[in-house]
Amino acid sequence: MTTSSLEPLECLLSSIVSRLEVIESKLGVIVPPSSNVKTNDGVPAEDEEAIVPSSPALVAYDEFLGKNILPLMDICMKLSVEDAKMKEIGEHVQSAFEAIRRIILLASLCKRPSTTTPGIQTALGSYIKPIQDSVSSIQKIRTTRDYDIHQKSIVEMLSSLSWVVTVPPPKTPSSYVNDILGATEFWSNKIRKTFKGIEGKEIHIIFCDCLKVIIQELTSYTKEFHPLGLSWNPKGYETLEEAARSLDSSEIKSPSTGPEKQAEIPTAGIRGGGMAALVTELSSKITTDGSSAATGLRNVKRDQQTWRKEYNPKNSVPNPSSKPPVVVSSTVSNIKVGGESKSPIFLFDTTAQKWRIEYQNGKSSTSSVGNSNSNLKIQVQDVKEQVYIYQCQNVTIEISGKCKTIVIDGCSKVQVVFGTAISSCEVVNSKRIQVQTLGVCPTFAIDKTDGCLIFLSKESMTESSFVTSKSSEMNVCFCPNGSEEFKELPLPEQFHHKIVDGSVATAVSDLYH
């Protein structure tokens, strides 16, 4: 048969394959590349044009990157006019989210390595390291004073990426990501307060909105595609290493272990080899130049990936529809917030280098980590570590060692005893809080709090300063002149204001003299 006589058959086969591709895309079938994929010139495809299988979770994540991460990078680029380091921070953010994309891709080709959080952490260890490196690099960047809060808010937002190793109970990936919103908003609200209403500074408010949207959209994404943890492929490769080698070599081999077994195609739960494989084989046989037609596959170039800056809609291909956290057992009973019962959290997030103590209620509890009923103990190993205490009640928290900052947010009847805080200790939106430093804490910030008693050590007595706003019943205790008896004094919450020589003069009320 001549080449011209085969043309009608090739057209028919091409039409059939196109229809099959549409069906496979709608079903979420991952179509594996052939081992001898070549370009039109007969040359093996380059890494930049590597053949990448699609899954609904991966496609949706690409859409998430394009709609949310690229705008954040653009904002960081605009902010770099005032602080050049913001551009570098934006690049690290992109690297972290790209690392998550590779993990999602590998998971769509591999069986679940373990049903427990530690098992998944171990399996994904080398693939999570780029995320940890990005966060660590951002933390090491020295920004100007005005952009220090921007840097902290981004680090908080990036801690949400630990959802890939989160397995219920007690947390699902979506609930884990959603809980990060409060910590991120704590810092971004400071940015809003600083730049609100200032002409020409609207970009800072947009920056805060962008961070909030990223967490909200990531919550929706994980809830839809990874409701019970990172989605894996039950018919995929046995190990992540096999899947990674296949991607690196631009081919996906059969996960079958023996040569006598029939090759199986790893899919997202539906096997799609069948007719598509048959058509590919027939098309390959009728090719006159001897090269593979690679039917059913497509080269995804950088300008065809919707989430990249190089994306060009004219060249796009239609898409189908759409050291990790160390978990420590919770020590107390659930707590209700807004009528909804919240599971207690007691863990150290190595990605953000932060201890998270949330929703702890010391009224009824049995410890599983060596703590008493209402007494939680933390051993800080690095001065870069932070402690974030959120929505806790009736507990005492002991923090040993030197930490960076301590934040007590939305708590009631909580006692915190710590050694040294390098930066500050902040109390916000809380009631009846007692804080004691055994070392040094340069700054105590009290905001929207009713009832706060601070005990100072001898070293901290002359070093500490207090910043208060919208708070009441604030007192500080210390031992003056080397005595062993504590003296308690109130922090002023009433002031007298007068207009003197065209300006406001403020004096403390006579109640505090």
Protein backbone atom coordinates (compact mmCIF):
# COMPACT_ATOMS: atom_id res chain seq x y z
CA MET A 1 0.00 0.00 0.00
CA THR A 2 1.25 3.48 -0.82
CA THR A 3 1.45 6.36 1.60
CA SER A 4 -1.40 8.17 -0.17
CA SER A 5 -3.69 5.16 0.19
CA LEU A 6 -3.07 5.14 3.98
CA GLU A 7 -3.96 8.78 4.46
CA PRO A 8 -7.76 8.19 4.83
CA LEU A 9 -7.11 5.48 7.42
CA GLU A 10 -4.70 7.73 9.33
CA CYS A 11 -7.31 10.52 9.38
CA LEU A 12 -9.91 8.09 10.70
CA LEU A 13 -7.55 6.84 13.41
CA SER A 14 -6.64 10.38 14.38
CA SER A 15 -10.32 11.28 14.71
CA ILE A 16 -10.97 8.22 16.90
CA VAL A 17 -7.99 9.01 19.13
CA SER A 18 -9.11 12.63 19.57
CA ARG A 19 -12.53 11.49 20.74
CA LEU A 20 -10.98 8.97 23.12
CA GLU A 21 -8.75 11.68 24.58
CA VAL A 22 -11.80 13.80 25.35
CA ILE A 23 -13.50 10.86 27.10
CA GLU A 24 -10.36 10.00 29.06
CA SER A 25 -9.98 13.62 30.17
CA LYS A 26 -13.55 13.73 31.47
CA LEU A 27 -13.06 10.42 33.34
CA GLY A 28 -9.78 11.56 34.87
CA VAL A 29 -7.72 8.88 33.15
CA ILE A 30 -3.95 9.39 33.13
CA VAL A 31 -2.54 8.49 29.73
CA PRO A 32 1.07 7.28 30.05
CA PRO A 33 3.74 8.35 27.58
CA SER A 34 5.39 5.85 25.29
CA SER A 35 8.98 4.77 26.00
CA ASN A 36 10.15 5.94 22.56
CA VAL A 37 8.46 9.32 22.37
CA LYS A 38 10.05 11.58 19.79
CA THR A 39 9.43 14.97 18.38
CA ASN A 40 8.38 15.60 14.80
CA ASP A 41 12.07 15.63 13.85
CA GLY A 42 12.62 12.17 15.33
CA VAL A 43 14.64 13.66 18.20
CA PRO A 44 13.76 12.73 21.82
CA ALA A 45 11.77 15.45 23.55
CA GLU A 46 13.67 17.80 25.84
CA ASP A 47 12.90 18.17 29.55
CA GLU A 48 11.25 21.51 28.85
CA GLU A 49 8.73 19.68 26.70
CA ALA A 50 8.48 16.61 28.89
CA ILE A 51 5.33 14.58 28.43
CA VAL A 52 3.26 14.93 31.56
CA PRO A 53 0.14 12.89 32.31
CA SER A 54 -2.91 14.77 33.50
CA SER A 55 -5.21 14.01 36.40
CA PRO A 56 -8.15 16.08 37.65
CA ALA A 57 -6.27 16.96 40.85
CA LEU A 58 -3.20 18.10 38.90
CA VAL A 59 -5.22 20.11 36.39
CA ALA A 60 -7.15 21.82 39.18
CA TYR A 61 -3.90 22.59 40.99
CA ASP A 62 -2.47 24.18 37.84
CA GLU A 63 -5.56 26.36 37.66
CA PHE A 64 -5.04 27.28 41.32
CA LEU A 65 -1.44 28.29 40.60
CA GLY A 66 -2.42 30.41 37.62
CA LYS A 67 -5.24 32.23 39.42
CA ASN A 68 -3.59 32.77 42.79
CA ILE A 69 0.19 32.28 42.89
CA LEU A 70 1.09 34.25 39.76
CA PRO A 71 -0.82 37.33 41.01
CA LEU A 72 1.07 37.11 44.33
CA MET A 73 4.39 36.98 42.44
CA ASP A 74 3.37 40.04 40.44
CA ILE A 75 2.54 41.90 43.65
CA CYS A 76 5.91 40.93 45.16
CA MET A 77 7.56 42.25 42.00
CA LYS A 78 5.76 45.60 42.39
CA LEU A 79 6.67 45.77 46.09
CA SER A 80 10.31 45.13 45.18
CA VAL A 81 10.46 48.74 43.98
CA GLU A 82 10.53 49.75 47.67
CA ASP A 83 12.34 46.63 48.94
CA ALA A 84 14.31 44.57 46.41
CA LYS A 85 14.15 41.51 48.67
CA MET A 86 10.42 41.07 47.94
CA LYS A 87 11.26 39.82 44.46
CA GLU A 88 13.48 37.10 45.94
CA ILE A 89 10.74 36.17 48.41
CA GLY A 90 8.25 35.82 45.55
CA GLU A 91 10.60 33.46 43.71
CA HIS A 92 10.92 31.25 46.78
CA VAL A 93 7.13 31.17 47.11
CA GLN A 94 6.85 29.98 43.51
CA SER A 95 9.46 27.27 44.14
CA ALA A 96 7.54 25.99 47.18
CA PHE A 97 4.24 25.70 45.31
CA GLU A 98 5.98 24.06 42.32
CA ALA A 99 7.38 21.44 44.71
CA ILE A 100 3.82 20.69 45.86
CA ARG A 101 2.80 20.29 42.22
CA ARG A 102 5.43 17.60 41.70
CA ILE A 103 4.23 15.78 44.82
CA ILE A 104 0.64 15.80 43.52
CA LEU A 105 1.86 14.50 40.16
CA LEU A 106 3.88 11.68 41.74
CA ALA A 107 0.99 10.73 44.02
CA SER A 108 -1.29 10.39 41.00
CA LEU A 109 1.11 7.75 39.65
CA CYS A 110 1.93 5.85 42.84
CA LYS A 111 0.21 3.73 45.49
CA ARG A 112 -0.18 5.17 48.98
CA PRO A 113 3.04 4.37 50.86
CA SER A 114 1.38 4.31 54.28
CA THR A 115 -1.89 5.05 56.02
CA THR A 116 -0.26 7.08 58.80
CA THR A 117 1.11 10.61 58.87
CA PRO A 118 4.67 9.54 59.88
CA GLY A 119 4.73 6.95 57.07
CA ILE A 120 3.75 9.51 54.46
CA GLN A 121 6.24 11.99 55.90
CA THR A 122 9.02 9.45 55.49
CA ALA A 123 8.02 8.58 51.92
CA LEU A 124 7.76 12.24 50.86
CA GLY A 125 10.79 13.41 52.82
CA SER A 126 13.08 14.17 49.87
CA TYR A 127 10.25 15.79 47.90
CA ILE A 128 9.26 18.06 50.80
CA LYS A 129 12.82 19.26 51.31
CA PRO A 130 12.59 21.89 48.51
CA ILE A 131 9.60 23.39 50.35
CA GLN A 132 11.53 23.50 53.61
CA ASP A 133 14.50 25.05 51.83
CA SER A 134 12.27 27.76 50.32
CA VAL A 135 10.73 28.64 53.69
CA SER A 136 14.15 28.63 55.35
CA SER A 137 15.52 30.91 52.62
CA ILE A 138 12.64 33.37 53.11
CA GLN A 139 13.23 33.43 56.87
CA LYS A 140 16.92 34.23 56.35
CA ILE A 141 16.23 37.20 54.06
CA ARG A 142 16.79 40.56 55.74
CA THR A 143 14.04 42.93 54.65
CA THR A 144 13.59 46.54 55.64
CA ARG A 145 11.64 47.30 58.80
CA ASP A 146 8.45 48.16 56.89
CA TYR A 147 8.47 44.79 55.11
CA ASP A 148 9.26 42.54 58.06
CA ILE A 149 5.53 41.89 58.60
CA HIS A 150 5.08 41.03 54.90
CA GLN A 151 7.79 38.42 55.27
CA LYS A 152 6.19 36.93 58.39
CA SER A 153 2.74 36.74 56.78
CA ILE A 154 4.15 34.87 53.80
CA VAL A 155 5.94 32.38 56.06
CA GLU A 156 2.66 31.76 57.90
CA MET A 157 0.85 31.24 54.61
CA LEU A 158 3.47 28.74 53.41
CA SER A 159 2.95 26.61 56.52
CA SER A 160 -0.35 25.57 54.88
CA LEU A 161 1.67 23.48 52.40
CA SER A 162 2.11 20.84 55.07
CA TRP A 163 -1.36 19.60 54.09
CA VAL A 164 0.32 17.02 51.82
CA VAL A 165 1.35 15.00 54.89
CA THR A 166 -1.86 15.57 56.85
CA VAL A 167 -4.02 12.50 57.42
CA PRO A 168 -7.19 12.42 59.57
CA PRO A 169 -7.74 12.11 62.42
CA PRO A 170 -7.62 14.69 63.88
CA LYS A 171 -7.22 16.96 60.85
CA THR A 172 -8.18 16.71 57.21
CA PRO A 173 -6.04 18.64 54.71
CA SER A 174 -8.79 21.21 54.15
CA SER A 175 -9.32 21.88 57.87
CA TYR A 176 -5.56 22.08 58.38
CA VAL A 177 -5.18 24.69 55.63
CA ASN A 178 -8.19 26.65 56.85
CA ASP A 179 -6.71 26.89 60.36
CA ILE A 180 -3.65 28.64 58.92
CA LEU A 181 -5.83 31.59 57.94
CA GLY A 182 -5.98 32.94 61.49
CA ALA A 183 -2.19 32.96 61.93
CA THR A 184 -1.70 34.61 58.53
CA GLU A 185 -4.37 37.23 59.19
CA PHE A 186 -2.69 38.06 62.50
CA TRP A 187 0.25 39.52 60.56
CA SER A 188 -1.58 40.75 57.47
CA ASN A 189 -4.02 42.72 59.63
CA LYS A 190 -1.04 44.66 60.94
CA ILE A 191 -0.20 45.51 57.33
CA ARG A 192 -3.78 46.66 56.71
CA LYS A 193 -3.68 48.82 59.82
CA THR A 194 -0.39 50.42 58.77
CA PHE A 195 -1.29 51.23 55.17
CA LYS A 196 -5.08 51.64 55.30
CA GLY A 197 -6.24 54.88 53.72
CA ILE A 198 -2.76 55.97 52.60
CA GLU A 199 -2.82 57.15 49.00
CA GLY A 200 -0.49 55.19 46.72
CA LYS A 201 -0.17 52.29 49.18
CA GLU A 202 -3.17 50.25 48.01
CA ILE A 203 -0.81 47.52 46.78
CA HIS A 204 -0.19 46.50 50.41
CA ILE A 205 -3.91 45.92 51.01
CA ILE A 206 -4.08 43.90 47.79
CA PHE A 207 -1.11 41.85 49.05
CA CYS A 208 -3.07 40.95 52.20
CA ASP A 209 -6.19 40.09 50.19
CA CYS A 210 -4.09 37.87 47.92
CA LEU A 211 -2.72 35.84 50.86
CA LYS A 212 -6.22 35.36 52.23
CA VAL A 213 -7.57 34.20 48.87
CA ILE A 214 -4.69 31.73 48.45
CA ILE A 215 -5.56 30.01 51.74
CA GLN A 216 -9.28 30.02 50.98
CA GLU A 217 -8.79 28.62 47.48
CA LEU A 218 -6.31 26.01 48.73
CA THR A 219 -8.86 24.98 51.35
CA SER A 220 -11.49 24.49 48.64
CA TYR A 221 -9.03 22.61 46.43
CA THR A 222 -7.95 20.16 49.14
CA LYS A 223 -11.55 19.64 50.25
CA GLU A 224 -12.58 18.63 46.72
CA PHE A 225 -9.57 16.62 45.52
CA HIS A 226 -7.84 15.46 48.72
CA PRO A 227 -10.63 15.16 51.32
CA LEU A 228 -8.95 12.40 53.38
CA GLY A 229 -5.33 13.20 52.66
CA LEU A 230 -3.18 13.40 49.55
CA SER A 231 -4.88 11.39 46.79
CA TRP A 232 -2.89 8.39 45.56
CA ASN A 233 -3.31 5.88 42.76
CA PRO A 234 -4.23 2.37 43.99
CA LYS A 235 -3.17 0.90 40.63
CA GLY A 236 0.02 2.89 40.27
CA TYR A 237 3.67 2.24 40.99
CA GLU A 238 4.76 0.58 44.20
CA THR A 239 7.17 3.35 45.19
CA LEU A 240 7.57 7.06 44.57
CA GLU A 241 11.08 6.44 43.27
CA GLU A 242 9.70 4.38 40.36
CA ALA A 243 7.21 7.11 39.48
CA ALA A 244 9.90 9.79 39.74
CA ARG A 245 12.27 7.86 37.45
CA SER A 246 9.49 7.50 34.90
CA LEU A 247 8.80 11.22 34.91
CA ASP A 248 12.48 12.13 34.76
CA SER A 249 12.96 9.89 31.73
CA SER A 250 9.76 11.19 30.10
CA GLU A 251 8.18 7.76 30.16
CA ILE A 252 5.81 5.84 32.38
CA LYS A 253 6.56 2.13 32.43
CA SER A 254 4.27 -0.60 33.59
CA PRO A 255 4.09 -1.05 37.36
CA SER A 256 4.07 -4.81 36.76
CA THR A 257 7.08 -6.53 38.27
CA GLY A 258 7.42 -9.51 35.93
CA PRO A 259 8.04 -9.50 32.15
CA GLU A 260 5.37 -12.15 31.71
CA LYS A 261 2.67 -9.89 33.17
CA GLN A 262 0.52 -7.78 30.92
CA ALA A 263 1.41 -4.07 31.17
CA GLU A 264 -1.01 -2.04 33.27
CA ILE A 265 -1.49 1.66 32.89
CA PRO A 266 -1.49 3.66 36.12
CA THR A 267 -4.65 5.73 36.28
CA ALA A 268 -6.59 7.80 38.73
CA GLY A 269 -8.79 4.83 39.54
CA ILE A 270 -10.01 4.01 35.99
CA ARG A 271 -7.96 1.97 33.56
CA GLY A 272 -7.90 3.62 30.18
CA GLY A 273 -5.48 1.47 28.17
CA GLY A 274 -7.99 -0.50 26.04
CA MET A 275 -9.03 1.10 22.79
CA ALA A 276 -6.61 4.02 23.04
CA ALA A 277 -3.67 1.61 23.29
CA LEU A 278 -4.98 -0.42 20.36
CA VAL A 279 -5.39 2.64 18.17
CA THR A 280 -1.90 3.82 19.13
CA GLU A 281 -0.44 0.47 18.11
CA LEU A 282 -2.27 0.42 14.76
CA SER A 283 -1.24 3.99 14.04
CA SER A 284 2.36 3.15 14.84
CA LYS A 285 2.34 0.19 12.43
CA ILE A 286 1.09 2.23 9.48
CA THR A 287 3.66 5.01 9.95
CA THR A 288 5.92 4.87 6.97
CA ASP A 289 9.00 6.66 8.42
CA GLY A 290 9.41 4.12 11.24
CA SER A 291 8.94 6.60 14.09
CA SER A 292 6.24 6.27 16.76
CA ALA A 293 3.14 8.37 16.31
CA ALA A 294 2.86 8.67 20.10
CA THR A 295 -0.89 8.77 19.70
CA GLY A 296 -2.83 9.79 22.78
CA LEU A 297 0.04 11.83 24.19
CA ARG A 298 0.85 15.49 24.09
CA ASN A 299 3.96 17.56 24.70
CA VAL A 300 3.27 20.13 27.39
CA LYS A 301 5.57 23.07 26.76
CA ARG A 302 6.18 25.84 29.28
CA ASP A 303 4.01 28.27 27.31
CA GLN A 304 1.15 25.74 27.42
CA GLN A 305 1.14 25.38 31.22
CA THR A 306 -1.53 27.79 32.42
CA TRP A 307 0.11 28.58 35.75
CA ARG A 308 3.44 29.74 34.30
CA LYS A 309 4.29 33.29 33.29
CA GLU A 310 5.26 32.02 29.84
CA TYR A 311 1.68 30.79 29.28
CA ASN A 312 0.32 31.78 25.87
CA PRO A 313 -3.41 31.07 25.32
CA LYS A 314 -2.84 30.71 21.58
CA ASN A 315 -0.50 27.77 22.14
CA SER A 316 -2.48 26.15 24.92
CA VAL A 317 -3.93 22.66 24.72
CA PRO A 318 -7.50 22.18 26.04
CA ASN A 319 -7.41 21.05 29.66
CA PRO A 320 -9.85 18.55 31.15
CA SER A 321 -12.37 20.02 33.61
CA SER A 322 -11.53 20.44 36.43
CA LYS A 323 11.37 18.54 57.49
CA PRO A 324 7.66 18.15 57.66
CA PRO A 325 5.29 18.87 60.57
CA VAL A 326 6.00 16.64 63.58
CA VAL A 327 2.57 15.79 64.96
CA VAL A 328 2.29 15.37 68.71
CA SER A 329 -0.80 13.79 70.22
CA SER A 330 -3.37 16.19 71.60
CA THR A 331 -3.63 16.34 75.37
CA VAL A 332 -7.06 17.70 76.08
CA SER A 333 -10.70 17.48 75.14
CA ASN A 334 -12.39 19.15 72.19
CA ILE A 335 -13.40 22.78 72.48
CA LYS A 336 -16.42 24.46 70.92
CA VAL A 337 -15.87 27.61 68.87
CA GLY A 338 -18.93 29.31 67.41
CA GLY A 339 -21.05 26.23 68.21
CA GLU A 340 -18.67 23.94 66.30
CA SER A 341 -16.53 21.38 68.10
CA LYS A 342 -12.83 21.78 67.32
CA SER A 343 -10.24 19.05 67.73
CA PRO A 344 -7.27 20.09 69.91
CA ILE A 345 -3.90 20.58 68.24
CA PHE A 346 -0.47 20.22 69.83
CA LEU A 347 2.24 19.98 67.18
CA PHE A 348 5.48 21.45 65.87
CA ASP A 349 5.38 22.55 62.24
CA THR A 350 8.95 22.23 60.99
CA THR A 351 8.08 24.00 57.73
CA ALA A 352 7.22 27.23 59.56
CA GLN A 353 9.38 26.44 62.62
CA LYS A 354 6.38 27.03 64.84
CA TRP A 355 4.72 25.32 67.77
CA ARG A 356 0.95 25.29 67.37
CA ILE A 357 -1.19 24.83 70.48
CA GLU A 358 -4.83 25.25 69.52
CA TYR A 359 -8.29 24.48 70.94
CA GLN A 360 -6.91 23.02 74.17
CA ASN A 361 -9.36 22.74 77.07
CA GLY A 362 -7.83 21.70 80.38
CA LYS A 363 -11.07 20.97 82.24
CA SER A 364 -11.09 17.29 81.26
CA SER A 365 -8.14 15.64 79.61
CA THR A 366 -5.78 12.72 79.71
CA SER A 367 -2.30 13.33 78.42
CA SER A 368 -0.65 11.07 75.86
CA VAL A 369 2.60 12.98 75.62
CA GLY A 370 3.66 13.06 79.23
CA ASN A 371 1.86 16.26 80.24
CA SER A 372 -0.54 16.66 83.14
CA ASN A 373 -4.25 17.23 82.64
CA SER A 374 -3.97 21.00 82.15
CA ASN A 375 -0.22 21.40 81.83
CA LEU A 376 1.47 21.41 78.42
CA LYS A 377 5.25 21.42 78.12
CA ILE A 378 7.28 22.62 75.14
CA GLN A 379 11.02 22.20 74.70
CA VAL A 380 12.33 24.78 72.24
CA GLN A 381 15.42 23.60 70.35
CA ASP A 382 16.16 26.65 68.18
CA VAL A 383 15.88 30.39 68.79
CA LYS A 384 14.10 30.71 65.42
CA GLU A 385 11.13 28.70 66.68
CA GLN A 386 7.85 30.49 67.41
CA VAL A 387 4.98 29.54 69.70
CA TYR A 388 1.40 30.24 68.64
CA ILE A 389 -1.36 29.60 71.21
CA TYR A 390 -4.89 29.90 69.84
CA GLN A 391 -8.39 29.46 71.31
CA CYS A 392 -7.23 27.62 74.45
CA GLN A 393 -8.94 27.51 77.84
CA ASN A 394 -7.94 26.52 81.37
CA VAL A 395 -4.44 25.32 80.56
CA THR A 396 -0.91 26.07 81.73
CA ILE A 397 1.81 26.05 79.09
CA GLU A 398 5.48 25.76 80.05
CA ILE A 399 8.01 26.79 77.39
CA SER A 400 11.62 25.80 78.05
CA GLY A 401 14.54 27.37 76.19
CA LYS A 402 14.82 30.46 74.00
CA CYS A 403 12.21 31.08 71.31
CA LYS A 404 11.65 33.88 68.81
CA THR A 405 8.12 35.03 69.62
CA ILE A 406 5.10 33.94 71.63
CA VAL A 407 1.56 34.80 70.52
CA ILE A 408 -1.51 34.18 72.70
CA ASP A 409 -4.62 34.69 70.56
CA GLY A 410 -8.28 34.30 71.56
CA CYS A 411 -7.55 32.43 74.81
CA SER A 412 -9.23 32.41 78.21
CA LYS A 413 -7.85 31.48 81.65
CA VAL A 414 -4.47 30.50 80.24
CA GLN A 415 -1.14 30.67 82.07
CA VAL A 416 2.11 30.78 80.09
CA VAL A 417 5.54 30.39 81.67
CA PHE A 418 8.55 30.77 79.39
CA GLY A 419 12.29 31.25 79.53
CA THR A 420 13.39 33.90 77.04
CA ALA A 421 11.60 35.41 74.04
CA ILE A 422 14.06 37.04 71.63
CA SER A 423 11.48 39.33 70.01
CA SER A 424 8.21 39.69 71.91
CA CYS A 425 5.24 38.15 73.69
CA GLU A 426 1.85 39.21 72.32
CA VAL A 427 -1.57 38.78 73.92
CA VAL A 428 -4.57 39.56 71.71
CA ASN A 429 -8.35 39.04 71.93
CA SER A 430 -8.03 37.17 75.23
CA LYS A 431 -9.39 37.16 78.80
CA ARG A 432 -7.80 36.42 82.18
CA ILE A 433 -4.28 35.64 80.98
CA GLN A 434 -1.19 35.22 83.14
CA VAL A 435 2.28 35.38 81.61
CA GLN A 436 5.59 34.87 83.41
CA THR A 437 9.07 35.20 81.99
CA LEU A 438 11.96 33.47 83.73
CA GLY A 439 14.49 35.06 81.41
CA VAL A 440 14.22 38.16 79.24
CA CYS A 441 11.45 39.44 76.99
CA PRO A 442 12.08 42.88 75.44
CA THR A 443 8.45 43.64 74.46
CA PHE A 444 5.01 42.69 75.73
CA ALA A 445 2.14 43.67 73.41
CA ILE A 446 -1.40 43.54 74.82
CA ASP A 447 -4.31 44.19 72.45
CA LYS A 448 -8.09 43.81 73.00
CA THR A 449 -7.57 41.84 76.19
CA ASP A 450 -9.47 41.97 79.50
CA GLY A 451 -7.41 40.80 82.44
CA CYS A 452 -3.69 40.29 81.86
CA LEU A 453 -1.15 39.72 84.64
CA ILE A 454 2.55 39.73 83.71
CA PHE A 455 5.31 38.48 86.01
CA LEU A 456 8.80 39.76 85.26
CA SER A 457 12.09 38.17 86.21
CA LYS A 458 14.92 40.20 87.72
CA GLU A 459 16.70 40.29 84.33
CA SER A 460 13.60 41.35 82.43
CA MET A 461 12.50 44.01 84.92
CA THR A 462 14.72 46.70 83.39
CA GLU A 463 14.63 45.39 79.82
CA SER A 464 10.92 44.92 79.13
CA SER A 465 8.57 47.49 77.61
CA PHE A 466 4.78 47.34 77.22
CA VAL A 467 2.57 48.29 74.29
CA THR A 468 -1.15 48.24 75.09
CA SER A 469 -4.35 49.11 73.21
CA LYS A 470 -8.07 48.56 73.80
CA SER A 471 -7.33 46.49 76.92
CA SER A 472 -8.32 46.58 80.60
CA GLU A 473 -7.28 45.11 83.98
CA MET A 474 -3.60 44.92 83.05
CA ASN A 475 -1.08 44.44 85.83
CA VAL A 476 2.64 43.78 86.07
CA CYS A 477 4.42 42.01 88.96
CA PHE A 478 8.12 42.26 89.78
CA CYS A 479 10.53 42.07 92.74
CA PRO A 480 11.99 45.57 93.28
CA ASN A 481 15.47 46.16 94.68
CA GLY A 482 16.34 42.48 94.90
CA SER A 483 13.54 41.62 97.35
CA GLU A 484 11.82 38.26 97.20
CA GLU A 485 8.28 39.64 97.44
CA PHE A 486 6.44 40.55 94.28
CA LYS A 487 5.08 44.05 93.87
CA GLU A 488 2.02 44.40 91.64
CA LEU A 489 1.29 47.60 89.75
CA PRO A 490 -1.47 48.35 87.24
CA LEU A 491 -0.71 49.38 83.67
CA PRO A 492 -2.61 52.62 82.88
CA GLU A 493 -5.76 52.33 80.83
CA GLN A 494 -7.07 55.85 81.51
CA PHE A 495 -5.43 59.02 80.23
CA HIS A 496 -6.06 62.76 80.24
CA HIS A 497 -5.70 64.64 76.97
CA LYS A 498 -5.36 68.38 76.42
CA ILE A 499 -4.63 70.66 73.51
CA VAL A 500 -1.39 72.50 74.37
CA ASP A 501 0.31 74.85 71.89
CA GLY A 502 -1.57 73.33 68.97
CA SER A 503 -0.85 69.70 69.79
CA VAL A 504 -2.31 66.98 71.99
CA ALA A 505 -0.67 66.54 75.41
CA THR A 506 -1.37 63.25 77.18
CA ALA A 507 -0.86 62.38 80.82
CA VAL A 508 -1.62 59.28 82.88
CA SER A 509 -4.75 59.48 85.02
CA ASP A 510 -4.29 60.33 88.72
CA LEU A 511 -5.58 56.84 89.54
CA TYR A 512 -2.12 55.44 88.80
CA HIS A 513 -0.04 57.84 90.91
